[in-house]
Amino acid sequence: MDKLSKYLLEHIQIDFTGDIDPEAIKKFLREDNSKEANQLLSKIMQEGIDDLLIVVADCLKERLAEGINENSLKEELISYGEA
């Protein structure tokens, strides 16, 4: 059971549903004038939404054992924006 659990955890996929496009991102970040929000928005405009969703999902996969919450997701978004 341990090996199976480890294998499944290593191969789990995370996906996002809903309408996520540059306009939706702008709407979410409109009132946030933080450095992190500006970096993230700039990077999304340059590289697109698909890259963001793939990278963040992959990074969140590593956090499954600890749990994923708003703070862990925010940390990954900041990290992506700074990269």
N, C-alpha and C. Protein backbone atom coordinates (compact mmCIF):
# COMPACT_ATOMS: atom_id res chain seq x y z
N MET A 1 0.82 -1.20 0.00
CA MET A 1 0.00 0.00 0.00
C MET A 1 0.86 1.26 0.00
N ASP A 2 1.97 1.23 0.72
CA ASP A 2 2.83 2.41 0.79
C ASP A 2 3.39 2.77 -0.59
N LYS A 3 3.87 1.74 -1.31
CA LYS A 3 4.44 2.00 -2.63
C LYS A 3 3.38 2.51 -3.60
N LEU A 4 2.19 1.93 -3.53
CA LEU A 4 1.10 2.37 -4.41
C LEU A 4 0.71 3.81 -4.08
N SER A 5 0.58 4.11 -2.82
CA SER A 5 0.22 5.47 -2.41
C SER A 5 1.25 6.48 -2.88
N LYS A 6 2.52 6.14 -2.71
CA LYS A 6 3.61 7.03 -3.14
C LYS A 6 3.56 7.22 -4.65
N TYR A 7 3.39 6.12 -5.38
CA TYR A 7 3.33 6.19 -6.83
C TYR A 7 2.17 7.08 -7.29
N LEU A 8 0.99 6.86 -6.72
CA LEU A 8 -0.18 7.65 -7.11
C LEU A 8 0.01 9.12 -6.78
N LEU A 9 0.59 9.41 -5.63
CA LEU A 9 0.84 10.80 -5.26
C LEU A 9 1.83 11.46 -6.22
N GLU A 10 2.83 10.71 -6.65
CA GLU A 10 3.82 11.25 -7.58
C GLU A 10 3.24 11.47 -8.98
N HIS A 11 2.19 10.76 -9.33
CA HIS A 11 1.63 10.83 -10.67
C HIS A 11 0.25 11.49 -10.73
N ILE A 12 -0.16 12.09 -9.65
CA ILE A 12 -1.45 12.77 -9.64
C ILE A 12 -1.38 14.02 -10.51
N GLN A 13 -2.49 14.38 -11.11
CA GLN A 13 -2.54 15.58 -11.94
C GLN A 13 -3.50 16.58 -11.33
N ILE A 14 -3.10 17.83 -11.38
CA ILE A 14 -3.96 18.91 -10.92
C ILE A 14 -4.32 19.74 -12.14
N ASP A 15 -5.58 20.10 -12.26
CA ASP A 15 -6.04 20.90 -13.38
C ASP A 15 -6.98 21.98 -12.85
N PHE A 16 -7.10 23.06 -13.57
CA PHE A 16 -7.99 24.15 -13.19
C PHE A 16 -9.15 24.20 -14.16
N THR A 17 -10.34 24.47 -13.65
CA THR A 17 -11.52 24.60 -14.49
C THR A 17 -12.01 26.04 -14.44
N GLY A 18 -12.87 26.38 -15.35
CA GLY A 18 -13.42 27.72 -15.37
C GLY A 18 -12.78 28.56 -16.46
N ASP A 19 -13.29 29.76 -16.60
CA ASP A 19 -12.83 30.68 -17.64
C ASP A 19 -11.66 31.50 -17.11
N ILE A 20 -10.45 31.10 -17.46
CA ILE A 20 -9.26 31.83 -17.03
C ILE A 20 -8.56 32.34 -18.28
N ASP A 21 -8.67 33.64 -18.51
CA ASP A 21 -8.01 34.28 -19.64
C ASP A 21 -7.38 35.58 -19.14
N PRO A 22 -6.61 36.27 -19.98
CA PRO A 22 -5.95 37.49 -19.52
C PRO A 22 -6.93 38.52 -18.94
N GLU A 23 -8.10 38.64 -19.52
CA GLU A 23 -9.08 39.61 -19.00
C GLU A 23 -9.57 39.22 -17.61
N ALA A 24 -9.77 37.92 -17.39
CA ALA A 24 -10.19 37.46 -16.06
C ALA A 24 -9.10 37.73 -15.04
N ILE A 25 -7.85 37.49 -15.43
CA ILE A 25 -6.72 37.74 -14.53
C ILE A 25 -6.65 39.23 -14.19
N LYS A 26 -6.78 40.09 -15.20
CA LYS A 26 -6.78 41.54 -14.96
C LYS A 26 -7.88 41.92 -13.97
N LYS A 27 -9.05 41.33 -14.15
CA LYS A 27 -10.18 41.62 -13.26
C LYS A 27 -9.84 41.24 -11.82
N PHE A 28 -9.25 40.07 -11.63
CA PHE A 28 -8.90 39.62 -10.28
C PHE A 28 -7.84 40.51 -9.64
N LEU A 29 -6.91 41.00 -10.45
CA LEU A 29 -5.77 41.75 -9.92
C LEU A 29 -5.96 43.27 -9.99
N ARG A 30 -7.08 43.71 -10.52
CA ARG A 30 -7.32 45.14 -10.76
C ARG A 30 -7.05 46.01 -9.54
N GLU A 31 -7.50 45.60 -8.38
CA GLU A 31 -7.37 46.41 -7.17
C GLU A 31 -6.11 46.11 -6.38
N ASP A 32 -5.31 45.19 -6.85
CA ASP A 32 -4.09 44.80 -6.13
C ASP A 32 -2.90 45.49 -6.78
N ASN A 33 -2.38 46.50 -6.12
CA ASN A 33 -1.26 47.27 -6.66
C ASN A 33 0.09 46.79 -6.14
N SER A 34 0.13 45.58 -5.59
CA SER A 34 1.37 45.08 -5.02
C SER A 34 2.38 44.76 -6.12
N LYS A 35 3.64 44.74 -5.73
CA LYS A 35 4.72 44.39 -6.65
C LYS A 35 4.49 43.00 -7.24
N GLU A 36 4.07 42.06 -6.38
CA GLU A 36 3.86 40.68 -6.82
C GLU A 36 2.75 40.58 -7.87
N ALA A 37 1.66 41.31 -7.64
CA ALA A 37 0.55 41.29 -8.59
C ALA A 37 0.98 41.87 -9.94
N ASN A 38 1.74 42.95 -9.90
CA ASN A 38 2.23 43.57 -11.14
C ASN A 38 3.19 42.65 -11.88
N GLN A 39 4.08 41.97 -11.15
CA GLN A 39 5.01 41.02 -11.78
C GLN A 39 4.24 39.88 -12.43
N LEU A 40 3.27 39.34 -11.71
CA LEU A 40 2.50 38.22 -12.23
C LEU A 40 1.74 38.63 -13.48
N LEU A 41 1.08 39.76 -13.44
CA LEU A 41 0.31 40.22 -14.59
C LEU A 41 1.22 40.45 -15.79
N SER A 42 2.37 41.05 -15.56
CA SER A 42 3.32 41.30 -16.64
C SER A 42 3.79 39.98 -17.27
N LYS A 43 4.10 39.01 -16.43
CA LYS A 43 4.58 37.72 -16.93
C LYS A 43 3.48 37.00 -17.72
N ILE A 44 2.25 37.08 -17.24
CA ILE A 44 1.13 36.44 -17.94
C ILE A 44 0.92 37.09 -19.31
N MET A 45 1.04 38.41 -19.36
CA MET A 45 0.86 39.10 -20.64
C MET A 45 1.97 38.71 -21.63
N GLN A 46 3.16 38.42 -21.13
CA GLN A 46 4.28 38.03 -22.00
C GLN A 46 4.21 36.57 -22.41
N GLU A 47 3.88 35.70 -21.46
CA GLU A 47 4.00 34.26 -21.70
C GLU A 47 2.67 33.52 -21.83
N GLY A 48 1.58 34.18 -21.47
CA GLY A 48 0.27 33.56 -21.59
C GLY A 48 -0.18 32.83 -20.34
N ILE A 49 -1.44 32.45 -20.35
CA ILE A 49 -2.08 31.80 -19.21
C ILE A 49 -1.68 30.33 -19.10
N ASP A 50 -1.54 29.66 -20.23
CA ASP A 50 -1.27 28.22 -20.20
C ASP A 50 -0.02 27.88 -19.41
N ASP A 51 1.04 28.64 -19.62
CA ASP A 51 2.29 28.38 -18.89
C ASP A 51 2.08 28.56 -17.39
N LEU A 52 1.37 29.61 -17.00
CA LEU A 52 1.08 29.84 -15.58
C LEU A 52 0.36 28.64 -14.97
N LEU A 53 -0.70 28.19 -15.62
CA LEU A 53 -1.50 27.10 -15.07
C LEU A 53 -0.70 25.80 -14.96
N ILE A 54 0.12 25.52 -15.95
CA ILE A 54 0.93 24.30 -15.92
C ILE A 54 1.97 24.36 -14.80
N VAL A 55 2.69 25.47 -14.72
CA VAL A 55 3.74 25.60 -13.72
C VAL A 55 3.16 25.58 -12.30
N VAL A 56 2.09 26.34 -12.08
CA VAL A 56 1.50 26.39 -10.74
C VAL A 56 0.93 25.03 -10.35
N ALA A 57 0.27 24.35 -11.27
CA ALA A 57 -0.27 23.02 -10.97
C ALA A 57 0.86 22.05 -10.61
N ASP A 58 1.96 22.09 -11.36
CA ASP A 58 3.09 21.22 -11.05
C ASP A 58 3.68 21.52 -9.68
N CYS A 59 3.80 22.79 -9.35
CA CYS A 59 4.35 23.17 -8.04
C CYS A 59 3.40 22.79 -6.91
N LEU A 60 2.11 22.95 -7.14
CA LEU A 60 1.14 22.59 -6.10
C LEU A 60 1.12 21.09 -5.86
N LYS A 61 1.40 20.32 -6.90
CA LYS A 61 1.44 18.86 -6.75
C LYS A 61 2.44 18.46 -5.67
N GLU A 62 3.54 19.20 -5.59
CA GLU A 62 4.56 18.91 -4.59
C GLU A 62 4.06 19.20 -3.17
N ARG A 63 3.04 20.01 -3.04
CA ARG A 63 2.52 20.39 -1.73
C ARG A 63 1.36 19.52 -1.26
N LEU A 64 0.97 18.55 -2.04
CA LEU A 64 -0.20 17.75 -1.68
C LEU A 64 -0.08 17.09 -0.32
N ALA A 65 1.09 16.62 0.03
CA ALA A 65 1.26 15.95 1.32
C ALA A 65 1.02 16.91 2.47
N GLU A 66 1.38 18.18 2.29
CA GLU A 66 1.18 19.19 3.33
C GLU A 66 -0.23 19.76 3.29
N GLY A 67 -0.81 19.79 2.12
CA GLY A 67 -2.11 20.39 1.92
C GLY A 67 -1.98 21.65 1.09
N ILE A 68 -2.97 21.89 0.26
CA ILE A 68 -2.99 23.08 -0.59
C ILE A 68 -4.07 24.00 -0.04
N ASN A 69 -3.70 25.26 0.16
CA ASN A 69 -4.66 26.26 0.62
C ASN A 69 -4.38 27.57 -0.09
N GLU A 70 -5.11 28.62 0.27
CA GLU A 70 -4.93 29.90 -0.40
C GLU A 70 -3.51 30.43 -0.24
N ASN A 71 -2.92 30.25 0.93
CA ASN A 71 -1.56 30.74 1.15
C ASN A 71 -0.54 30.02 0.29
N SER A 72 -0.66 28.69 0.19
CA SER A 72 0.30 27.95 -0.63
C SER A 72 0.13 28.32 -2.11
N LEU A 73 -1.10 28.53 -2.54
CA LEU A 73 -1.33 28.94 -3.93
C LEU A 73 -0.77 30.33 -4.18
N LYS A 74 -0.98 31.24 -3.23
CA LYS A 74 -0.43 32.60 -3.37
C LYS A 74 1.09 32.56 -3.46
N GLU A 75 1.73 31.74 -2.63
CA GLU A 75 3.19 31.62 -2.68
C GLU A 75 3.66 31.14 -4.05
N GLU A 76 2.95 30.20 -4.65
CA GLU A 76 3.33 29.69 -5.96
C GLU A 76 3.13 30.75 -7.04
N LEU A 77 2.06 31.54 -6.94
CA LEU A 77 1.83 32.61 -7.91
C LEU A 77 2.93 33.67 -7.83
N ILE A 78 3.32 34.02 -6.60
CA ILE A 78 4.40 35.00 -6.41
C ILE A 78 5.70 34.45 -6.98
N SER A 79 5.99 33.20 -6.68
CA SER A 79 7.21 32.57 -7.18
C SER A 79 7.23 32.55 -8.70
N TYR A 80 6.10 32.23 -9.32
CA TYR A 80 6.01 32.21 -10.78
C TYR A 80 6.24 33.61 -11.35
N GLY A 81 5.63 34.61 -10.73
CA GLY A 81 5.78 35.97 -11.21
C GLY A 81 7.21 36.47 -11.12
N GLU A 82 7.94 36.02 -10.11
CA GLU A 82 9.32 36.45 -9.91
C GLU A 82 10.32 35.71 -10.79
N ALA A 83 9.92 34.56 -11.30
CA ALA A 83 10.85 33.72 -12.09
C ALA A 83 11.12 34.31 -13.46
